[in-house]
Amino acid sequence: MKMHDVRYACLVALLFASAACDVGRGRGVAHTKASESLAQANEADFSDRYTPQQIALNTFPSVVLLSMSDENSQPISIGSGFFIDDNVILTNAHVIEGASFGFAKPVGTETSFQITGTIGVDAQHDLALVEIEGSGTPLRLSTSGDPIIGATVFAIGNPQGFEGTFSQGIVSGIRAVGDARLLQITAPISPGSSGGPVLDDKGEVIGVATATYRGGQNLNFAVPAANIRDLNANRHAPVELGRATLRSARRPFPNIGDRLTTGVTGENLQWDHEYDFQGGGYSLTFRNKLNRPVQNVHALVVFYDRKGNPLETDVVTLNGVIPPGLARRVQGAVDMSVKRLTSNSIKSGTAYSLTPVTKIEIRVLGFDIID
């Protein structure tokens, strides 16, 4: 049997299995008709498909990490986006909502472009177009309509600030919610992925990552390319960030929580010494996730006992500067008994493991961004 016939036979089996499932009324499910899907599959030319490696290599230069700040230059969100024109980036409306300043950093580079304003917002479909002081390589938008259920897709974004994360999945459903439509996909979406492109195996954008359903497994959603094309065809004159009308839209599914309480995290707490008589000194790392330097970082450290109850708190401060994307260690101290109650005893019982074995919570309370 030829490879084309094998793919065709697998698709037939998948479509009949999908058609047999009763999803129930009132759930807003809009599956592509089996006959239409089969016709699309029969007409497909597999010669223009790319390997995942080729798609990743071709797409990465067009994807950006967005860092948004409020009027006081305090970070409020991170997200993803991609070039849709030389100096125009598409992202989610909720990524830029409430922001007065923003920067776009192409993944894998040290360059950041300032966002000069918005030229299009579609709050209903959670989409926004922003202009930047720079340029990049635009991605192609698919004009093929809704993808076939079971089709391979790829998502690129910056989950938790990890730049250029590439994941693969399939289209698992097409959902209708009111007047909106969403692509349900299995490619993972995490905080920071909002606004990233979802591509087919031709490397064309079929949607933009927008949400995940926290109550389920692998329930991720993307806005279809048709809504992107509509917004792109109705651009307006640039409007400064902070002046754009961005009312919070009631999105059809819970958004994935890209809003930040801080752009600096506390990590890797370790005791300075292992013996009781050397005291309860410790050190931890402050990591700067922003594209601007920060200083005067202060945090509350909460130590928990083996039962998960709060045991002790301490406030630590770093007055020095942390460059963009880098980190620095800071020292603190608590009573030596906290070391004993949070660490495993070694040797004769007078020494303890350097890393606490109980829960440690590091709450970054604030910091200053250096312009």
Protein backbone atom coordinates (compact mmCIF):
# COMPACT_ATOMS: atom_id res chain seq x y z
CA MET A 1 0.00 0.00 0.00
CA LYS A 2 1.38 3.44 -0.88
CA MET A 3 2.10 6.00 1.86
CA HIS A 4 -0.67 8.27 0.55
CA ASP A 5 -3.15 5.39 0.81
CA VAL A 6 -2.01 4.59 4.35
CA ARG A 7 -2.56 8.20 5.47
CA TYR A 8 -5.91 8.27 3.71
CA ALA A 9 -7.02 5.02 5.38
CA CYS A 10 -5.94 6.27 8.81
CA LEU A 11 -7.83 9.51 8.29
CA VAL A 12 -10.99 7.62 7.30
CA ALA A 13 -10.79 5.54 10.49
CA LEU A 14 -10.24 8.63 12.61
CA LEU A 15 -13.14 10.51 11.10
CA PHE A 16 -15.59 7.65 11.50
CA ALA A 17 -14.52 7.20 15.13
CA SER A 18 -14.97 10.92 15.76
CA ALA A 19 -18.38 10.96 14.07
CA ALA A 20 -19.56 8.12 16.32
CA CYS A 21 -19.07 10.20 19.49
CA ASP A 22 -22.20 11.97 20.80
CA VAL A 23 -20.91 15.22 22.24
CA GLY A 24 -24.38 16.32 23.35
CA ARG A 25 -26.44 19.41 22.75
CA GLY A 26 -25.54 22.80 24.20
CA ARG A 27 -21.79 22.20 24.26
CA GLY A 28 -21.11 24.38 21.22
CA VAL A 29 -19.35 21.66 19.22
CA ALA A 30 -18.91 22.21 15.50
CA HIS A 31 -17.06 19.30 13.91
CA THR A 32 -16.09 19.41 10.26
CA LYS A 33 -18.33 17.15 8.22
CA ALA A 34 -16.73 13.83 7.40
CA SER A 35 -17.41 14.12 3.69
CA GLU A 36 -15.83 17.57 3.46
CA SER A 37 -12.80 16.44 5.47
CA LEU A 38 -12.29 13.41 3.26
CA ALA A 39 -12.47 15.56 0.17
CA GLN A 40 -9.83 17.90 1.58
CA ALA A 41 -7.59 14.96 2.47
CA ASN A 42 -8.03 13.44 -1.00
CA GLU A 43 -6.97 16.69 -2.66
CA ALA A 44 -3.98 17.26 -0.37
CA ASP A 45 -0.55 17.42 -1.94
CA PHE A 46 1.87 15.97 0.58
CA SER A 47 4.88 17.19 -1.38
CA ASP A 48 4.67 20.63 0.26
CA ARG A 49 4.76 19.28 3.82
CA TYR A 50 7.77 19.90 6.05
CA THR A 51 9.40 17.97 8.84
CA PRO A 52 9.04 19.30 12.39
CA GLN A 53 12.71 20.25 12.33
CA GLN A 54 12.24 22.32 9.17
CA ILE A 55 9.16 24.06 10.57
CA ALA A 56 10.96 24.96 13.81
CA LEU A 57 14.00 26.26 11.95
CA ASN A 58 11.91 28.35 9.56
CA THR A 59 9.55 29.75 12.20
CA PHE A 60 11.75 30.66 15.16
CA PRO A 61 13.08 33.92 13.60
CA SER A 62 9.49 35.20 13.31
CA VAL A 63 8.40 34.54 16.92
CA VAL A 64 8.89 37.07 19.73
CA LEU A 65 8.75 37.24 23.51
CA LEU A 66 6.58 40.16 24.64
CA SER A 67 7.25 41.93 27.93
CA MET A 68 4.57 44.44 28.96
CA SER A 69 4.66 47.08 31.73
CA ASP A 70 2.18 49.52 33.25
CA GLU A 71 2.40 53.32 33.43
CA ASN A 72 4.81 53.04 36.37
CA SER A 73 7.12 50.75 34.38
CA GLN A 74 6.14 47.78 36.54
CA PRO A 75 5.84 44.49 34.62
CA ILE A 76 2.30 43.17 34.25
CA SER A 77 2.53 40.39 31.68
CA ILE A 78 4.66 38.29 29.41
CA GLY A 79 3.45 36.60 26.28
CA SER A 80 4.27 35.56 22.77
CA GLY A 81 3.65 36.98 19.31
CA PHE A 82 4.79 36.64 15.74
CA PHE A 83 5.46 38.86 12.76
CA ILE A 84 2.53 39.19 10.40
CA ASP A 85 4.16 42.04 8.48
CA ASP A 86 7.65 43.61 8.41
CA ASN A 87 7.08 45.72 11.52
CA VAL A 88 3.73 44.34 12.74
CA ILE A 89 3.29 41.64 15.38
CA LEU A 90 0.16 39.68 16.16
CA THR A 91 -0.55 38.64 19.75
CA ASN A 92 -3.46 38.19 22.15
CA ALA A 93 -5.38 41.24 23.33
CA HIS A 94 -5.10 40.06 26.94
CA VAL A 95 -1.29 40.12 26.71
CA ILE A 96 -1.19 43.89 26.08
CA GLU A 97 -4.27 44.80 28.11
CA GLY A 98 -3.48 47.50 30.68
CA ALA A 99 0.05 48.03 29.34
CA SER A 100 1.57 51.45 28.72
CA PHE A 101 4.95 50.17 27.55
CA GLY A 102 6.16 47.02 25.89
CA PHE A 103 9.08 45.32 24.16
CA ALA A 104 9.27 42.53 21.62
CA LYS A 105 12.34 40.28 21.71
CA PRO A 106 12.83 37.84 18.79
CA VAL A 107 13.56 34.44 20.31
CA GLY A 108 17.20 33.44 20.43
CA THR A 109 18.48 37.00 20.02
CA GLU A 110 19.66 39.77 22.34
CA THR A 111 17.67 42.42 20.43
CA SER A 112 14.52 44.04 21.80
CA PHE A 113 12.19 46.30 19.84
CA GLN A 114 9.98 48.86 21.52
CA ILE A 115 6.25 48.59 20.78
CA THR A 116 5.06 51.93 19.43
CA GLY A 117 1.33 51.27 19.48
CA THR A 118 -1.62 49.18 18.36
CA ILE A 119 -3.07 49.20 14.85
CA GLY A 120 -5.88 46.74 15.43
CA VAL A 121 -7.73 45.10 18.34
CA ASP A 122 -10.37 42.38 18.23
CA ALA A 123 -11.35 41.88 21.88
CA GLN A 124 -14.06 39.35 21.00
CA HIS A 125 -11.50 36.99 19.54
CA ASP A 126 -8.66 38.08 21.89
CA LEU A 127 -6.42 39.40 19.08
CA ALA A 128 -4.24 42.50 18.75
CA LEU A 129 -1.86 43.94 16.17
CA VAL A 130 1.06 46.05 17.41
CA GLU A 131 3.69 48.05 15.56
CA ILE A 132 7.34 47.97 16.64
CA GLU A 133 10.49 49.99 16.07
CA GLY A 134 12.14 47.28 14.02
CA SER A 135 11.35 44.56 11.54
CA GLY A 136 11.22 40.81 11.15
CA THR A 137 10.21 38.03 8.79
CA PRO A 138 6.42 37.59 8.60
CA LEU A 139 4.82 34.15 8.72
CA ARG A 140 2.32 33.00 6.10
CA LEU A 141 -1.33 32.76 7.08
CA SER A 142 -3.21 29.69 5.93
CA THR A 143 -6.10 30.30 3.55
CA SER A 144 -7.34 26.70 3.62
CA GLY A 145 -10.16 27.19 6.11
CA ASP A 146 -10.55 25.03 9.19
CA PRO A 147 -7.99 22.23 9.48
CA ILE A 148 -9.02 18.58 9.47
CA ILE A 149 -9.57 17.00 12.87
CA GLY A 150 -6.56 14.81 13.52
CA ALA A 151 -4.23 17.00 11.47
CA THR A 152 -0.75 17.58 12.87
CA VAL A 153 -0.08 21.03 14.34
CA PHE A 154 2.88 22.78 15.92
CA ALA A 155 2.88 25.51 18.55
CA ILE A 156 5.73 27.90 19.29
CA GLY A 157 5.80 30.21 22.29
CA ASN A 158 7.59 31.24 25.46
CA PRO A 159 5.95 29.30 28.32
CA GLN A 160 7.09 30.58 31.72
CA GLY A 161 9.60 32.74 29.82
CA PHE A 162 11.41 29.76 28.26
CA GLU A 163 12.03 31.25 24.85
CA GLY A 164 11.33 29.37 21.66
CA THR A 165 9.56 26.33 23.06
CA PHE A 166 8.39 24.11 20.19
CA SER A 167 5.66 21.49 20.68
CA GLN A 168 3.70 19.13 18.44
CA GLY A 169 0.11 17.89 18.63
CA ILE A 170 -3.06 17.40 16.63
CA VAL A 171 -6.33 19.22 16.05
CA SER A 172 -8.71 17.45 18.41
CA GLY A 173 -11.84 19.50 17.79
CA ILE A 174 -13.41 22.68 16.42
CA ARG A 175 -15.56 24.45 18.98
CA ALA A 176 -18.26 27.04 18.41
CA VAL A 177 -18.97 29.37 21.33
CA GLY A 178 -21.57 31.97 20.46
CA ASP A 179 -20.32 33.70 17.34
CA ALA A 180 -16.72 32.67 17.98
CA ARG A 181 -14.90 29.53 16.87
CA LEU A 182 -11.85 27.95 18.48
CA LEU A 183 -9.49 25.21 17.41
CA GLN A 184 -8.97 22.63 20.13
CA ILE A 185 -5.43 21.25 19.98
CA THR A 186 -3.27 18.85 21.97
CA ALA A 187 -0.04 20.85 21.51
CA PRO A 188 0.66 22.16 25.04
CA ILE A 189 -0.02 25.80 25.92
CA SER A 190 1.33 27.28 29.17
CA PRO A 191 1.57 30.77 30.71
CA GLY A 192 3.74 32.84 28.38
CA SER A 193 2.52 30.98 25.27
CA SER A 194 -0.40 33.35 24.66
CA GLY A 195 -0.15 34.93 21.21
CA GLY A 196 2.21 32.33 19.77
CA PRO A 197 1.58 30.85 16.32
CA VAL A 198 -0.04 27.47 15.73
CA LEU A 199 1.12 26.03 12.41
CA ASP A 200 0.19 23.18 10.09
CA ASP A 201 2.67 20.81 8.47
CA LYS A 202 3.17 23.29 5.62
CA GLY A 203 4.52 25.84 8.09
CA GLU A 204 1.50 28.11 7.64
CA VAL A 205 -0.29 29.77 10.55
CA ILE A 206 -3.68 28.16 11.16
CA GLY A 207 -4.29 29.91 14.48
CA VAL A 208 -2.91 31.78 17.46
CA ALA A 209 -2.62 30.19 20.92
CA THR A 210 -5.01 31.83 23.32
CA ALA A 211 -6.15 29.61 26.19
CA THR A 212 -6.04 26.37 28.06
CA TYR A 213 -8.68 24.77 30.26
CA ARG A 214 -7.14 24.31 33.70
CA GLY A 215 -9.69 21.72 34.77
CA GLY A 216 -8.74 19.16 32.12
CA GLN A 217 -5.79 17.54 30.47
CA ASN A 218 -4.48 18.67 27.09
CA LEU A 219 -7.43 21.00 26.48
CA ASN A 220 -5.77 23.87 24.64
CA PHE A 221 -7.31 26.36 22.25
CA ALA A 222 -6.33 28.62 19.37
CA VAL A 223 -8.15 31.38 17.48
CA PRO A 224 -8.46 30.40 13.77
CA ALA A 225 -6.48 32.14 11.03
CA ALA A 226 -9.72 33.51 9.51
CA ASN A 227 -10.09 35.91 12.46
CA ILE A 228 -6.47 36.99 12.05
CA ARG A 229 -7.06 37.79 8.38
CA ASP A 230 -10.18 39.81 9.22
CA LEU A 231 -8.31 41.90 11.80
CA ASN A 232 -5.34 42.41 9.50
CA ALA A 233 -7.64 43.67 6.73
CA ASN A 234 -9.08 46.33 9.04
CA ARG A 235 -6.02 48.04 10.45
CA HIS A 236 -6.32 51.56 11.80
CA ALA A 237 -3.86 54.38 12.45
CA PRO A 238 -1.43 53.61 15.30
CA VAL A 239 -2.69 54.24 18.82
CA GLU A 240 -0.26 54.49 21.74
CA LEU A 241 -0.27 51.72 24.28
CA GLY A 242 -2.30 52.81 27.27
CA ARG A 243 -4.67 54.82 25.10
CA ALA A 244 -6.03 51.92 23.12
CA THR A 245 -9.53 50.79 24.02
CA LEU A 246 -8.98 47.37 25.51
CA ARG A 247 -11.99 46.32 27.50
CA SER A 248 -11.61 42.92 29.10
CA ALA A 249 -13.32 40.49 26.77
CA ARG A 250 -15.28 37.54 28.11
CA ARG A 251 -13.17 34.90 26.47
CA PRO A 252 -14.90 31.59 25.75
CA PHE A 253 -12.44 29.62 27.86
CA PRO A 254 -10.24 30.59 30.84
CA ASN A 255 -7.10 32.38 29.68
CA ILE A 256 -3.82 30.91 30.71
CA GLY A 257 -2.82 33.52 33.22
CA ASP A 258 0.08 35.41 31.70
CA ARG A 259 -0.41 38.33 34.08
CA LEU A 260 2.64 38.76 36.29
CA THR A 261 2.89 39.71 39.91
CA THR A 262 6.60 40.22 39.35
CA GLY A 263 9.23 39.87 36.69
CA VAL A 264 11.78 38.57 39.20
CA THR A 265 11.70 35.15 40.84
CA GLY A 266 13.39 33.70 43.91
CA GLU A 267 14.96 30.25 43.51
CA ASN A 268 17.54 27.71 44.73
CA LEU A 269 17.65 28.37 48.47
CA GLN A 270 20.53 26.61 50.23
CA TRP A 271 22.01 26.68 53.72
CA ASP A 272 25.45 28.28 53.94
CA HIS A 273 26.88 25.64 56.33
CA GLU A 274 25.91 22.15 57.39
CA TYR A 275 26.72 22.27 61.13
CA ASP A 276 24.49 23.62 63.92
CA PHE A 277 27.12 25.85 65.50
CA GLN A 278 27.69 27.65 62.19
CA GLY A 279 24.25 29.23 62.42
CA GLY A 280 21.19 29.52 60.19
CA GLY A 281 22.63 31.50 57.30
CA TYR A 282 21.33 30.77 53.82
CA SER A 283 21.49 32.12 50.28
CA LEU A 284 19.07 32.17 47.35
CA THR A 285 18.93 33.36 43.75
CA PHE A 286 16.98 36.31 42.38
CA ARG A 287 16.43 35.76 38.64
CA ASN A 288 15.50 38.68 36.38
CA LYS A 289 13.11 37.54 33.62
CA LEU A 290 12.75 40.99 32.08
CA ASN A 291 14.60 42.61 29.20
CA ARG A 292 15.66 45.53 31.38
CA PRO A 293 17.94 45.59 34.44
CA VAL A 294 16.41 45.66 37.92
CA GLN A 295 17.63 46.66 41.37
CA ASN A 296 16.43 46.92 45.00
CA VAL A 297 14.79 43.50 44.94
CA HIS A 298 13.18 42.45 48.22
CA ALA A 299 11.34 39.26 49.07
CA LEU A 300 9.64 37.41 51.90
CA VAL A 301 10.98 33.89 52.52
CA VAL A 302 8.56 31.50 54.20
CA PHE A 303 9.89 28.27 55.74
CA TYR A 304 7.49 25.35 56.32
CA ASP A 305 7.84 22.38 58.64
CA ARG A 306 7.52 18.74 57.65
CA LYS A 307 3.74 18.86 58.07
CA GLY A 308 3.42 21.78 55.68
CA ASN A 309 2.78 24.39 58.37
CA PRO A 310 4.49 27.83 58.36
CA LEU A 311 7.56 27.73 60.59
CA GLU A 312 9.47 30.98 60.12
CA THR A 313 9.69 34.03 57.84
CA ASP A 314 12.55 36.27 56.80
CA VAL A 315 12.89 39.32 54.56
CA VAL A 316 15.87 39.52 52.20
CA THR A 317 16.97 42.45 50.04
CA LEU A 318 19.37 42.80 47.13
CA ASN A 319 20.40 46.41 46.50
CA GLY A 320 22.63 45.63 43.54
CA VAL A 321 21.71 45.47 39.86
CA ILE A 322 20.59 42.31 38.05
CA PRO A 323 21.10 42.57 34.26
CA PRO A 324 18.30 41.42 31.90
CA GLY A 325 17.87 37.66 31.83
CA LEU A 326 20.52 37.06 34.50
CA ALA A 327 20.58 36.32 38.23
CA ARG A 328 22.38 37.10 41.50
CA ARG A 329 22.65 35.41 44.88
CA VAL A 330 21.54 37.12 48.10
CA GLN A 331 22.07 36.09 51.73
CA GLY A 332 19.70 35.83 54.68
CA ALA A 333 19.64 34.27 58.13
CA VAL A 334 17.21 32.60 60.53
CA ASP A 335 17.56 30.74 63.82
CA MET A 336 19.66 27.59 63.49
CA SER A 337 16.69 25.53 64.69
CA VAL A 338 14.97 26.24 61.34
CA LYS A 339 17.80 24.40 59.62
CA ARG A 340 17.24 21.35 61.83
CA LEU A 341 13.47 21.38 61.32
CA THR A 342 13.63 21.70 57.53
CA SER A 343 16.63 19.53 56.62
CA ASN A 344 17.69 15.91 56.92
CA SER A 345 20.18 14.93 59.60
CA ILE A 346 23.47 13.46 58.41
CA LYS A 347 26.51 11.95 60.15
CA SER A 348 26.05 11.97 63.94
CA GLY A 349 23.07 14.30 64.02
CA THR A 350 25.03 17.56 64.37
CA ALA A 351 25.16 18.12 60.60
CA TYR A 352 22.27 18.65 58.19
CA SER A 353 21.73 18.59 54.44
CA LEU A 354 22.49 21.89 52.75
CA THR A 355 19.22 21.89 50.81
CA PRO A 356 15.95 22.05 52.78
CA VAL A 357 13.66 19.07 52.24
CA THR A 358 10.48 20.89 53.28
CA LYS A 359 8.51 23.49 51.36
CA ILE A 360 10.18 26.88 50.94
CA GLU A 361 8.20 29.79 49.50
CA ILE A 362 9.99 32.87 48.14
CA ARG A 363 7.58 35.77 47.55
CA VAL A 364 9.15 38.64 45.61
CA LEU A 365 7.50 41.76 47.01
CA GLY A 366 8.95 44.40 44.73
CA PHE A 367 11.86 45.78 42.75
CA ASP A 368 12.86 48.79 40.65
CA ILE A 369 13.32 48.68 36.89
CA ILE A 370 16.28 50.67 35.58
CA ASP A 371 15.44 52.62 32.42
